C-alpha atoms as a PDB file:
ATOM      1  CA  MET A   1      -6.344  44.873 221.159  1.00  0.00           C
ATOM      2  CA  SER A   2      -4.771  47.755 219.248  1.00  0.00           C
ATOM      3  CA  LYS A   3      -6.775  50.279 217.315  1.00  0.00           C
ATOM      4  CA  MET A   4      -7.156  49.985 213.550  1.00  0.00           C
ATOM      5  CA  GLU A   5      -6.285  53.064 211.483  1.00  0.00           C
ATOM      6  CA  SER A   6      -6.658  54.132 207.875  1.00  0.00           C
ATOM      7  CA  THR A   7      -5.968  57.377 206.049  1.00  0.00           C
ATOM      8  CA  VAL A   8      -7.146  58.076 202.506  1.00  0.00           C
ATOM      9  CA  SER A   9      -6.494  61.005 200.204  1.00  0.00           C
ATOM     10  CA  ILE A  10      -8.977  61.680 197.408  1.00  0.00           C
ATOM     11  CA  PRO A  11      -7.776  64.051 194.668  1.00  0.00           C
ATOM     12  CA  PHE A  12     -10.186  66.481 193.044  1.00  0.00           C
ATOM     13  CA  LEU A  13      -9.676  68.685 189.988  1.00  0.00           C
ATOM     14  CA  ASP A  14      -9.078  71.753 192.155  1.00  0.00           C
ATOM     15  CA  GLU A  15      -9.127  72.996 195.739  1.00  0.00           C
ATOM     16  CA  ARG A  16     -12.678  74.368 195.366  1.00  0.00           C
ATOM     17  CA  GLN A  17     -14.033  70.882 194.592  1.00  0.00           C
ATOM     18  CA  ALA A  18     -12.095  69.440 197.523  1.00  0.00           C
ATOM     19  CA  MET A  19     -13.643  72.095 199.784  1.00  0.00           C
ATOM     20  CA  VAL A  20     -17.144  71.334 198.456  1.00  0.00           C
ATOM     21  CA  ALA A  21     -16.600  67.668 199.342  1.00  0.00           C
ATOM     22  CA  TYR A  22     -15.141  68.579 202.746  1.00  0.00           C
ATOM     23  CA  ASN A  23     -18.046  70.879 203.621  1.00  0.00           C
ATOM     24  CA  SER A  24     -20.557  68.257 202.497  1.00  0.00           C
ATOM     25  CA  LEU A  25     -18.951  65.457 204.510  1.00  0.00           C
ATOM     26  CA  ARG A  26     -18.005  67.300 207.695  1.00  0.00           C
ATOM     27  CA  VAL A  27     -21.643  67.517 208.736  1.00  0.00           C
ATOM     28  CA  GLU A  28     -21.973  63.710 208.362  1.00  0.00           C
ATOM     29  CA  ALA A  29     -20.735  62.766 211.823  1.00  0.00           C
ATOM     30  CA  GLU A  30     -20.241  59.161 212.801  1.00  0.00           C
ATOM     31  CA  PRO A  31     -23.219  57.891 214.852  1.00  0.00           C
ATOM     32  CA  ALA A  32     -22.836  58.325 218.620  1.00  0.00           C
ATOM     33  CA  ARG A  33     -22.733  54.560 219.120  1.00  0.00           C
ATOM     34  CA  SER A  34     -20.062  54.173 216.435  1.00  0.00           C
ATOM     35  CA  ARG A  35     -16.720  52.750 217.408  1.00  0.00           C
ATOM     36  CA  VAL A  36     -15.005  54.857 214.741  1.00  0.00           C
ATOM     37  CA  LYS A  37     -13.467  58.315 214.946  1.00  0.00           C
ATOM     38  CA  ARG A  38     -13.105  60.189 211.667  1.00  0.00           C
ATOM     39  CA  SER A  39     -11.250  63.401 210.901  1.00  0.00           C
ATOM     40  CA  LEU A  40     -11.343  65.331 207.637  1.00  0.00           C
ATOM     41  CA  SER A  41      -9.065  67.947 206.140  1.00  0.00           C
ATOM     42  CA  VAL A  42      -8.185  69.473 202.786  1.00  0.00           C
ATOM     43  CA  SER A  43      -4.620  69.471 201.530  1.00  0.00           C
ATOM     44  CA  GLY A  44      -4.323  71.392 198.284  1.00  0.00           C
ATOM     45  CA  ARG A  45      -6.785  69.764 195.890  1.00  0.00           C
ATOM     46  CA  SER A  46      -7.140  66.584 197.967  1.00  0.00           C
ATOM     47  CA  LEU A  47      -9.653  65.614 200.612  1.00  0.00           C
ATOM     48  CA  VAL A  48      -7.907  63.681 203.393  1.00  0.00           C
ATOM     49  CA  ALA A  49      -9.856  61.409 205.740  1.00  0.00           C
ATOM     50  CA  SER A  50      -8.393  59.561 208.715  1.00  0.00           C
ATOM     51  CA  PHE A  51     -10.244  56.790 210.508  1.00  0.00           C
ATOM     52  CA  THR A  52      -9.506  55.105 213.837  1.00  0.00           C
ATOM     53  CA  ALA A  53     -11.622  52.135 214.885  1.00  0.00           C
ATOM     54  CA  GLU A  54     -11.767  49.567 217.637  1.00  0.00           C
ATOM     55  CA  ASP A  55     -11.987  46.670 215.176  1.00  0.00           C
ATOM     56  CA  THR A  56     -11.546  45.808 211.516  1.00  0.00           C
ATOM     57  CA  ARG A  57     -15.257  45.429 210.785  1.00  0.00           C
ATOM     58  CA  SER A  58     -16.118  48.888 212.131  1.00  0.00           C
ATOM     59  CA  LEU A  59     -13.280  50.409 210.124  1.00  0.00           C
ATOM     60  CA  ARG A  60     -14.421  48.676 206.927  1.00  0.00           C
ATOM     61  CA  VAL A  61     -18.047  49.759 207.358  1.00  0.00           C
ATOM     62  CA  SER A  62     -17.080  53.363 208.044  1.00  0.00           C
ATOM     63  CA  VAL A  63     -14.633  53.615 205.129  1.00  0.00           C
ATOM     64  CA  ASN A  64     -17.130  51.992 202.738  1.00  0.00           C
ATOM     65  CA  SER A  65     -19.847  54.430 203.805  1.00  0.00           C
ATOM     66  CA  PHE A  66     -17.419  57.338 203.408  1.00  0.00           C
ATOM     67  CA  PHE A  67     -16.530  56.278 199.853  1.00  0.00           C
ATOM     68  CA  ALA A  68     -20.221  55.906 198.950  1.00  0.00           C
ATOM     69  CA  HIS A  69     -20.722  59.533 200.017  1.00  0.00           C
ATOM     70  CA  VAL A  70     -17.601  60.667 198.124  1.00  0.00           C
ATOM     71  CA  VAL A  71     -18.852  59.017 194.916  1.00  0.00           C
ATOM     72  CA  LEU A  72     -22.219  60.763 195.288  1.00  0.00           C
ATOM     73  CA  ILE A  73     -20.531  64.118 195.890  1.00  0.00           C
ATOM     74  CA  ALA A  74     -18.165  63.643 192.926  1.00  0.00           C
ATOM     75  CA  ASP A  75     -21.105  62.741 190.675  1.00  0.00           C
ATOM     76  CA  THR A  76     -22.999  65.838 191.867  1.00  0.00           C
ATOM     77  CA  ILE A  77     -19.984  68.077 191.237  1.00  0.00           C
ATOM     78  CA  LYS A  78     -19.625  66.562 187.775  1.00  0.00           C
ATOM     79  CA  GLN A  79     -23.314  67.145 187.018  1.00  0.00           C
ATOM     80  CA  PHE A  80     -23.686  70.659 188.423  1.00  0.00           C
ATOM     81  CA  GLY A  81     -20.125  71.974 188.601  1.00  0.00           C
END
């Protein structure tokens, strides 16, 4: 079976906000038993996340969890700058 892959780019208002999100998320490693590898980077004002998983379900769970964290970070940035 081939690996499943997904890459998402989340735009922020500026590079500083993208870096805040990056620094917040980079410490959130996938669990050791996870079948997903995630890499993060910042490109201009966008946070870029790439996922590689052994199966569709694992990919979906990881991406959904990632977006839940991104929403929380975006809300925090909005609230506190």
